[in-house]
Amino acid sequence: MSEPALDRKDVVAMVASFGDRPVDEVGERIDSIQLAWLVHQVEQRYGVQIELDDAQFGRMSTITGAVDVLREKVMVVEDA
């Protein structure tokens, strides 16, 4: 099995780019503005349109949850 196209380091770096701060200042929690920025960044980087339902949004309140959901979304697009 190949490595996922998106990992925790990528997500932390994208969240850190919002506000131009060091990655070590990114906490586990993601607020709604950071989440919107993150989804936009993933869409731009991977050339995808990400559709999220309420359950997926709910899972993305943390870096860990965002990694899981976004990895699923990016992998589905790559497999298509």
Protein backbone atom coordinates (compact mmCIF):
# COMPACT_ATOMS: atom_id res chain seq x y z
CA MET A 1 0.00 0.00 0.00
CA SER A 2 1.40 3.40 -0.95
CA GLU A 3 1.79 6.31 1.42
CA PRO A 4 -1.21 8.62 1.64
CA ALA A 5 -0.96 11.76 -0.45
CA LEU A 6 -1.84 13.88 2.57
CA ASP A 7 -0.43 13.46 6.07
CA ARG A 8 -0.46 15.19 9.44
CA LYS A 9 2.65 17.23 8.64
CA ASP A 10 0.94 18.60 5.51
CA VAL A 11 -2.21 19.55 7.42
CA VAL A 12 -0.28 21.24 10.23
CA ALA A 13 1.78 23.20 7.69
CA MET A 14 -1.37 24.36 5.88
CA VAL A 15 -3.04 25.45 9.13
CA ALA A 16 0.17 27.24 10.15
CA SER A 17 0.16 29.15 6.87
CA PHE A 18 -3.08 30.80 8.02
CA GLY A 19 -1.69 33.69 10.04
CA ASP A 20 1.83 32.91 8.87
CA ARG A 21 2.96 31.23 12.08
CA PRO A 22 5.45 28.48 12.90
CA VAL A 23 4.14 24.91 12.77
CA ASP A 24 5.04 24.40 16.44
CA GLU A 25 2.41 27.03 17.34
CA VAL A 26 -0.43 25.02 15.78
CA GLY A 27 -2.57 23.35 18.43
CA GLU A 28 -4.75 20.27 18.03
CA ARG A 29 -8.04 22.22 17.83
CA ILE A 30 -9.13 23.79 14.54
CA ASP A 31 -11.63 26.65 14.53
CA SER A 32 -14.08 27.28 11.68
CA ILE A 33 -11.94 29.92 9.96
CA GLN A 34 -8.87 27.67 10.06
CA LEU A 35 -10.98 24.81 8.72
CA ALA A 36 -12.25 26.88 5.79
CA TRP A 37 -8.65 27.90 5.02
CA LEU A 38 -7.47 24.29 5.28
CA VAL A 39 -10.13 22.96 2.92
CA HIS A 40 -9.32 25.72 0.44
CA GLN A 41 -5.61 24.91 0.63
CA VAL A 42 -6.23 21.19 0.03
CA GLU A 43 -8.50 21.98 -2.92
CA GLN A 44 -5.82 24.22 -4.44
CA ARG A 45 -2.92 21.85 -3.80
CA TYR A 46 -4.63 18.70 -5.05
CA GLY A 47 -6.87 20.25 -7.72
CA VAL A 48 -10.03 18.82 -6.19
CA GLN A 49 -13.43 20.08 -5.10
CA ILE A 50 -14.16 18.80 -1.59
CA GLU A 51 -17.77 18.24 -0.56
CA LEU A 52 -18.21 17.66 3.17
CA ASP A 53 -21.33 16.59 5.03
CA ASP A 54 -22.19 17.63 8.59
CA ALA A 55 -20.65 14.49 10.10
CA GLN A 56 -17.37 15.08 8.27
CA PHE A 57 -17.30 18.73 9.36
CA GLY A 58 -17.88 17.58 12.93
CA ARG A 59 -14.92 15.22 12.76
CA MET A 60 -12.65 18.05 11.57
CA SER A 61 -12.55 20.09 14.76
CA THR A 62 -9.06 18.70 15.43
CA ILE A 63 -5.91 18.23 13.38
CA THR A 64 -6.26 14.46 13.75
CA GLY A 65 -9.85 14.50 12.52
CA ALA A 66 -8.99 16.81 9.63
CA VAL A 67 -6.16 14.53 8.54
CA ASP A 68 -8.49 11.52 8.55
CA VAL A 69 -11.32 13.20 6.62
CA LEU A 70 -9.11 15.01 4.12
CA ARG A 71 -7.02 11.90 3.48
CA GLU A 72 -10.23 10.00 2.69
CA LYS A 73 -11.37 12.76 0.33
CA VAL A 74 -8.06 13.12 -1.48
CA MET A 75 -7.61 9.36 -1.84
CA VAL A 76 -11.11 8.98 -3.32
CA VAL A 77 -10.28 11.62 -5.93
CA GLU A 78 -6.90 10.05 -6.72
CA ASP A 79 -8.55 6.64 -7.16
CA ALA A 80 -11.18 8.04 -9.55
